[in-house]
PDB file of N, CA and C in Angstrom:
ATOM      1  N   UNK A   1      11.600 -11.638  -4.624  1.00  0.00           N
ATOM      2  CA  UNK A   1      10.344 -11.292  -5.269  1.00  0.00           C
ATOM      3  C   UNK A   1       9.593 -12.570  -5.634  1.00  0.00           C
ATOM      4  N   UNK A   2       8.288 -12.471  -5.501  1.00  0.00           N
ATOM      5  CA  UNK A   2       7.434 -13.587  -5.855  1.00  0.00           C
ATOM      6  C   UNK A   2       6.526 -13.156  -6.993  1.00  0.00           C
ATOM      7  N   UNK A   3       6.771 -13.665  -8.218  1.00  0.00           N
ATOM      8  CA  UNK A   3       5.915 -13.268  -9.336  1.00  0.00           C
ATOM      9  C   UNK A   3       4.541 -13.949  -9.248  1.00  0.00           C
ATOM     10  N   UNK A   4       3.509 -13.178  -9.574  1.00  0.00           N
ATOM     11  CA  UNK A   4       2.142 -13.696  -9.560  1.00  0.00           C
ATOM     12  C   UNK A   4       1.478 -13.308 -10.872  1.00  0.00           C
ATOM     13  N   UNK A   5       0.740 -14.243 -11.444  1.00  0.00           N
ATOM     14  CA  UNK A   5      -0.021 -13.953 -12.650  1.00  0.00           C
ATOM     15  C   UNK A   5      -1.495 -13.955 -12.289  1.00  0.00           C
ATOM     16  N   UNK A   6      -2.220 -12.957 -12.766  1.00  0.00           N
ATOM     17  CA  UNK A   6      -3.641 -12.844 -12.476  1.00  0.00           C
ATOM     18  C   UNK A   6      -4.389 -12.735 -13.797  1.00  0.00           C
ATOM     19  N   UNK A   7      -5.468 -13.508 -13.915  1.00  0.00           N
ATOM     20  CA  UNK A   7      -6.296 -13.457 -15.118  1.00  0.00           C
ATOM     21  C   UNK A   7      -7.646 -12.828 -14.765  1.00  0.00           C
ATOM     22  N   UNK A   8      -8.003 -11.796 -15.500  1.00  0.00           N
ATOM     23  CA  UNK A   8      -9.288 -11.142 -15.278  1.00  0.00           C
ATOM     24  C   UNK A   8     -10.416 -12.088 -15.684  1.00  0.00           C
ATOM     25  N   UNK A   9     -11.437 -12.215 -14.859  1.00  0.00           N
ATOM     26  CA  UNK A   9     -12.451 -13.242 -15.087  1.00  0.00           C
ATOM     27  C   UNK A   9     -13.282 -13.064 -16.363  1.00  0.00           C
ATOM     28  N   UNK A  10     -13.619 -11.841 -16.732  1.00  0.00           N
ATOM     29  CA  UNK A  10     -14.481 -11.641 -17.908  1.00  0.00           C
ATOM     30  C   UNK A  10     -13.702 -11.569 -19.210  1.00  0.00           C
ATOM     31  N   UNK A  11     -12.633 -10.782 -19.231  1.00  0.00           N
ATOM     32  CA  UNK A  11     -11.887 -10.565 -20.482  1.00  0.00           C
ATOM     33  C   UNK A  11     -10.784 -11.588 -20.707  1.00  0.00           C
ATOM     34  N   UNK A  12     -10.434 -12.305 -19.648  1.00  0.00           N
ATOM     35  CA  UNK A  12      -9.340 -13.303 -19.693  1.00  0.00           C
ATOM     36  C   UNK A  12      -7.989 -12.665 -19.955  1.00  0.00           C
ATOM     37  N   UNK A  13      -7.892 -11.339 -19.775  1.00  0.00           N
ATOM     38  CA  UNK A  13      -6.607 -10.662 -19.916  1.00  0.00           C
ATOM     39  C   UNK A  13      -5.735 -11.079 -18.738  1.00  0.00           C
ATOM     40  N   UNK A  14      -4.475 -11.406 -19.031  1.00  0.00           N
ATOM     41  CA  UNK A  14      -3.550 -11.829 -17.983  1.00  0.00           C
ATOM     42  C   UNK A  14      -2.562 -10.715 -17.686  1.00  0.00           C
ATOM     43  N   UNK A  15      -2.275 -10.550 -16.429  1.00  0.00           N
ATOM     44  CA  UNK A  15      -1.294  -9.558 -16.009  1.00  0.00           C
ATOM     45  C   UNK A  15      -0.385 -10.184 -14.970  1.00  0.00           C
ATOM     46  N   UNK A  16       0.846  -9.710 -14.902  1.00  0.00           N
ATOM     47  CA  UNK A  16       1.820 -10.227 -13.941  1.00  0.00           C
ATOM     48  C   UNK A  16       2.319  -9.109 -13.061  1.00  0.00           C
ATOM     49  N   UNK A  17       2.540  -9.423 -11.812  1.00  0.00           N
ATOM     50  CA  UNK A  17       3.160  -8.482 -10.894  1.00  0.00           C
ATOM     51  C   UNK A  17       3.921  -9.283  -9.854  1.00  0.00           C
ATOM     52  N   UNK A  18       4.733  -8.619  -9.087  1.00  0.00           N
ATOM     53  CA  UNK A  18       5.551  -9.299  -8.087  1.00  0.00           C
ATOM     54  C   UNK A  18       5.217  -8.781  -6.697  1.00  0.00           C
ATOM     55  N   UNK A  19       5.314  -9.670  -5.737  1.00  0.00           N
ATOM     56  CA  UNK A  19       5.138  -9.309  -4.339  1.00  0.00           C
ATOM     57  C   UNK A  19       6.520  -9.251  -3.711  1.00  0.00           C
ATOM     58  N   UNK A  20       6.798  -8.169  -3.018  1.00  0.00           N
ATOM     59  CA  UNK A  20       8.093  -7.982  -2.384  1.00  0.00           C
ATOM     60  C   UNK A  20       7.883  -7.769  -0.895  1.00  0.00           C
ATOM     61  N   UNK A  21       8.584  -8.525  -0.085  1.00  0.00           N
ATOM     62  CA  UNK A  21       8.551  -8.309   1.360  1.00  0.00           C
ATOM     63  C   UNK A  21       9.699  -7.364   1.684  1.00  0.00           C
ATOM     64  N   UNK A  22       9.349  -6.145   2.085  1.00  0.00           N
ATOM     65  CA  UNK A  22      10.340  -5.099   2.273  1.00  0.00           C
ATOM     66  C   UNK A  22      10.377  -4.687   3.734  1.00  0.00           C
ATOM     67  N   UNK A  23      11.553  -4.668   4.314  1.00  0.00           N
ATOM     68  CA  UNK A  23      11.708  -4.181   5.675  1.00  0.00           C
ATOM     69  C   UNK A  23      12.532  -2.906   5.619  1.00  0.00           C
ATOM     70  N   UNK A  24      12.016  -1.858   6.246  1.00  0.00           N
ATOM     71  CA  UNK A  24      12.712  -0.582   6.234  1.00  0.00           C
ATOM     72  C   UNK A  24      13.563  -0.439   7.483  1.00  0.00           C
ATOM     73  N   UNK A  25      14.668   0.249   7.317  1.00  0.00           N
ATOM     74  CA  UNK A  25      15.595   0.460   8.423  1.00  0.00           C
ATOM     75  C   UNK A  25      15.223   1.759   9.139  1.00  0.00           C
ATOM     76  N   UNK A  26      14.199   1.679   9.978  1.00  0.00           N
ATOM     77  CA  UNK A  26      13.766   2.835  10.754  1.00  0.00           C
ATOM     78  C   UNK A  26      13.694   2.434  12.222  1.00  0.00           C
ATOM     79  N   UNK A  27      13.956   3.378  13.117  1.00  0.00           N
ATOM     80  CA  UNK A  27      13.906   3.033  14.536  1.00  0.00           C
ATOM     81  C   UNK A  27      12.487   2.687  14.981  1.00  0.00           C
ATOM     82  N   UNK A  28      12.375   1.694  15.866  1.00  0.00           N
ATOM     83  CA  UNK A  28      11.073   1.316  16.406  1.00  0.00           C
ATOM     84  C   UNK A  28      10.736   2.249  17.564  1.00  0.00           C
ATOM     85  N   UNK A  29       9.491   2.724  17.587  1.00  0.00           N
ATOM     86  CA  UNK A  29       9.031   3.613  18.646  1.00  0.00           C
ATOM     87  C   UNK A  29       7.992   2.874  19.488  1.00  0.00           C
ATOM     88  N   UNK A  30       7.996   3.152  20.777  1.00  0.00           N
ATOM     89  CA  UNK A  30       7.079   2.480  21.684  1.00  0.00           C
ATOM     90  C   UNK A  30       5.621   2.769  21.347  1.00  0.00           C
ATOM     91  N   UNK A  31       5.340   3.957  20.806  1.00  0.00           N
ATOM     92  CA  UNK A  31       3.955   4.335  20.513  1.00  0.00           C
ATOM     93  C   UNK A  31       3.514   3.963  19.104  1.00  0.00           C
ATOM     94  N   UNK A  32       4.351   3.243  18.364  1.00  0.00           N
ATOM     95  CA  UNK A  32       4.020   2.906  16.984  1.00  0.00           C
ATOM     96  C   UNK A  32       3.394   1.528  16.901  1.00  0.00           C
ATOM     97  N   UNK A  33       2.206   1.468  16.344  1.00  0.00           N
ATOM     98  CA  UNK A  33       1.480   0.220  16.180  1.00  0.00           C
ATOM     99  C   UNK A  33       2.080  -0.540  15.002  1.00  0.00           C
ATOM    100  N   UNK A  34       2.290  -1.849  15.168  1.00  0.00           N
ATOM    101  CA  UNK A  34       2.879  -2.673  14.107  1.00  0.00           C
ATOM    102  C   UNK A  34       2.032  -2.592  12.842  1.00  0.00           C
ATOM    103  N   UNK A  35       2.673  -2.316  11.715  1.00  0.00           N
ATOM    104  CA  UNK A  35       1.990  -2.258  10.436  1.00  0.00           C
ATOM    105  C   UNK A  35       1.308  -0.931  10.139  1.00  0.00           C
ATOM    106  N   UNK A  36       1.376   0.033  11.041  1.00  0.00           N
ATOM    107  CA  UNK A  36       0.697   1.303  10.833  1.00  0.00           C
ATOM    108  C   UNK A  36       1.504   2.264   9.971  1.00  0.00           C
ATOM    109  N   UNK A  37       2.790   2.117   9.959  1.00  0.00           N
ATOM    110  CA  UNK A  37       3.622   3.061   9.218  1.00  0.00           C
ATOM    111  C   UNK A  37       4.205   4.093  10.162  1.00  0.00           C
ATOM    112  N   UNK A  38       4.815   5.110   9.608  1.00  0.00           N
ATOM    113  CA  UNK A  38       5.479   6.126  10.411  1.00  0.00           C
ATOM    114  C   UNK A  38       4.453   7.120  10.930  1.00  0.00           C
ATOM    115  N   UNK A  39       4.466   7.341  12.231  1.00  0.00           N
ATOM    116  CA  UNK A  39       3.545   8.286  12.846  1.00  0.00           C
ATOM    117  C   UNK A  39       4.133   9.688  12.703  1.00  0.00           C
ATOM    118  N   UNK A  40       3.362  10.628  12.156  1.00  0.00           N
ATOM    119  CA  UNK A  40       3.896  11.980  11.970  1.00  0.00           C
ATOM    120  C   UNK A  40       4.126  12.691  13.296  1.00  0.00           C
ATOM    121  N   UNK A  41       5.095  13.608  13.314  1.00  0.00           N
ATOM    122  CA  UNK A  41       5.362  14.408  14.508  1.00  0.00           C
ATOM    123  C   UNK A  41       4.243  15.420  14.752  1.00  0.00           C
ATOM    124  N   UNK A  42       3.617  15.881  13.695  1.00  0.00           N
ATOM    125  CA  UNK A  42       2.540  16.870  13.790  1.00  0.00           C
ATOM    126  C   UNK A  42       1.348  16.356  12.986  1.00  0.00           C
ATOM    127  N   UNK A  43       0.207  16.261  13.628  1.00  0.00           N
ATOM    128  CA  UNK A  43      -1.005  15.854  12.915  1.00  0.00           C
ATOM    129  C   UNK A  43      -1.785  17.107  12.556  1.00  0.00           C
ATOM    130  N   UNK A  44      -1.966  17.335  11.274  1.00  0.00           N
ATOM    131  CA  UNK A  44      -2.650  18.522  10.777  1.00  0.00           C
ATOM    132  C   UNK A  44      -3.949  18.079  10.124  1.00  0.00           C
ATOM    133  N   UNK A  45      -5.061  18.561  10.637  1.00  0.00           N
ATOM    134  CA  UNK A  45      -6.360  18.204  10.094  1.00  0.00           C
ATOM    135  C   UNK A  45      -6.903  19.354   9.266  1.00  0.00           C
ATOM    136  N   UNK A  46      -7.407  19.030   8.102  1.00  0.00           N
ATOM    137  CA  UNK A  46      -7.977  20.039   7.222  1.00  0.00           C
ATOM    138  C   UNK A  46      -9.453  20.218   7.567  1.00  0.00           C
ATOM    139  N   UNK A  47      -9.869  21.457   7.745  1.00  0.00           N
ATOM    140  CA  UNK A  47     -11.275  21.727   8.027  1.00  0.00           C
ATOM    141  C   UNK A  47     -12.066  21.695   6.718  1.00  0.00           C
ATOM    142  N   UNK A  48     -13.371  21.574   6.860  1.00  0.00           N
ATOM    143  CA  UNK A  48     -14.231  21.596   5.680  1.00  0.00           C
ATOM    144  C   UNK A  48     -14.098  22.931   4.948  1.00  0.00           C
ATOM    145  N   UNK A  49     -13.981  24.014   5.715  1.00  0.00           N
ATOM    146  CA  UNK A  49     -13.822  25.346   5.111  1.00  0.00           C
ATOM    147  C   UNK A  49     -12.527  25.430   4.299  1.00  0.00           C
ATOM    148  N   UNK A  50     -11.427  24.896   4.854  1.00  0.00           N
ATOM    149  CA  UNK A  50     -10.160  24.872   4.114  1.00  0.00           C
ATOM    150  C   UNK A  50     -10.304  24.075   2.821  1.00  0.00           C
ATOM    151  N   UNK A  51     -10.989  22.947   2.912  1.00  0.00           N
ATOM    152  CA  UNK A  51     -11.201  22.118   1.730  1.00  0.00           C
ATOM    153  C   UNK A  51     -11.985  22.877   0.663  1.00  0.00           C
ATOM    154  N   UNK A  52     -13.047  23.540   1.092  1.00  0.00           N
ATOM    155  CA  UNK A  52     -13.885  24.277   0.145  1.00  0.00           C
ATOM    156  C   UNK A  52     -13.134  25.448  -0.487  1.00  0.00           C
ATOM    157  N   UNK A  53     -12.180  26.027   0.257  1.00  0.00           N
ATOM    158  CA  UNK A  53     -11.379  27.139  -0.279  1.00  0.00           C
ATOM    159  C   UNK A  53     -10.125  26.645  -0.997  1.00  0.00           C
ATOM    160  N   UNK A  54      -9.994  25.322  -1.112  1.00  0.00           N
ATOM    161  CA  UNK A  54      -8.856  24.703  -1.795  1.00  0.00           C
ATOM    162  C   UNK A  54      -7.527  25.098  -1.147  1.00  0.00           C
ATOM    163  N   UNK A  55      -7.524  25.194   0.202  1.00  0.00           N
ATOM    164  CA  UNK A  55      -6.315  25.548   0.940  1.00  0.00           C
ATOM    165  C   UNK A  55      -5.546  24.285   1.294  1.00  0.00           C
ATOM    166  N   UNK A  56      -4.240  24.304   1.104  1.00  0.00           N
ATOM    167  CA  UNK A  56      -3.380  23.183   1.471  1.00  0.00           C
ATOM    168  C   UNK A  56      -2.925  23.392   2.917  1.00  0.00           C
ATOM    169  N   UNK A  57      -3.721  22.896   3.837  1.00  0.00           N
ATOM    170  CA  UNK A  57      -3.506  23.113   5.260  1.00  0.00           C
ATOM    171  C   UNK A  57      -2.161  22.563   5.718  1.00  0.00           C
ATOM    172  N   UNK A  58      -1.795  21.391   5.244  1.00  0.00           N
ATOM    173  CA  UNK A  58      -0.530  20.776   5.649  1.00  0.00           C
ATOM    174  C   UNK A  58       0.664  21.573   5.147  1.00  0.00           C
ATOM    175  N   UNK A  59       0.600  22.012   3.903  1.00  0.00           N
ATOM    176  CA  UNK A  59       1.698  22.809   3.351  1.00  0.00           C
ATOM    177  C   UNK A  59       1.837  24.135   4.090  1.00  0.00           C
ATOM    178  N   UNK A  60       0.722  24.803   4.363  1.00  0.00           N
ATOM    179  CA  UNK A  60       0.775  26.081   5.077  1.00  0.00           C
ATOM    180  C   UNK A  60       1.367  25.911   6.473  1.00  0.00           C
ATOM    181  N   UNK A  61       1.001  24.850   7.166  1.00  0.00           N
ATOM    182  CA  UNK A  61       1.549  24.578   8.493  1.00  0.00           C
ATOM    183  C   UNK A  61       3.060  24.337   8.405  1.00  0.00           C
ATOM    184  N   UNK A  62       3.466  23.566   7.408  1.00  0.00           N
ATOM    185  CA  UNK A  62       4.884  23.257   7.229  1.00  0.00           C
ATOM    186  C   UNK A  62       5.690  24.519   6.942  1.00  0.00           C
ATOM    187  N   UNK A  63       5.167  25.386   6.093  1.00  0.00           N
ATOM    188  CA  UNK A  63       5.874  26.629   5.780  1.00  0.00           C
ATOM    189  C   UNK A  63       6.002  27.534   7.002  1.00  0.00           C
ATOM    190  N   UNK A  64       4.971  27.535   7.865  1.00  0.00           N
ATOM    191  CA  UNK A  64       5.058  28.311   9.108  1.00  0.00           C
ATOM    192  C   UNK A  64       6.131  27.744  10.037  1.00  0.00           C
ATOM    193  N   UNK A  65       6.236  26.434  10.096  1.00  0.00           N
ATOM    194  CA  UNK A  65       7.287  25.817  10.911  1.00  0.00           C
ATOM    195  C   UNK A  65       8.679  26.202  10.405  1.00  0.00           C
ATOM    196  N   UNK A  66       8.829  26.217   9.096  1.00  0.00           N
ATOM    197  CA  UNK A  66      10.134  26.565   8.496  1.00  0.00           C
ATOM    198  C   UNK A  66      10.473  28.020   8.809  1.00  0.00           C
ATOM    199  N   UNK A  67       9.476  28.904   8.716  1.00  0.00           N
ATOM    200  CA  UNK A  67       9.701  30.319   9.013  1.00  0.00           C
ATOM    201  C   UNK A  67      10.166  30.537  10.453  1.00  0.00           C
ATOM    202  N   UNK A  68       9.650  29.741  11.379  1.00  0.00           N
ATOM    203  CA  UNK A  68       9.965  29.897  12.797  1.00  0.00           C
ATOM    204  C   UNK A  68      11.397  29.452  13.109  1.00  0.00           C
ATOM    205  N   UNK A  69      11.997  28.666  12.276  1.00  0.00           N
ATOM    206  CA  UNK A  69      13.355  28.168  12.574  1.00  0.00           C
ATOM    207  C   UNK A  69      14.429  28.963  11.918  1.00  0.00           C
TER     208      UNK A  69
END
């Protein structure tokens, strides 16, 4: 860990935090762009209508997948 102290310019309040270089033990995939993170198996897009109706599109899709198995 690398501790860093930062002082806010106007209030002069000081805060400390640490930077950690973390490597995760996950398999590398040919289609995964470096630094992008884990690519989901299913991409679920929420429509504007779903958003307006406060529907959790991802949760509903996941529950349907569970029901099918």
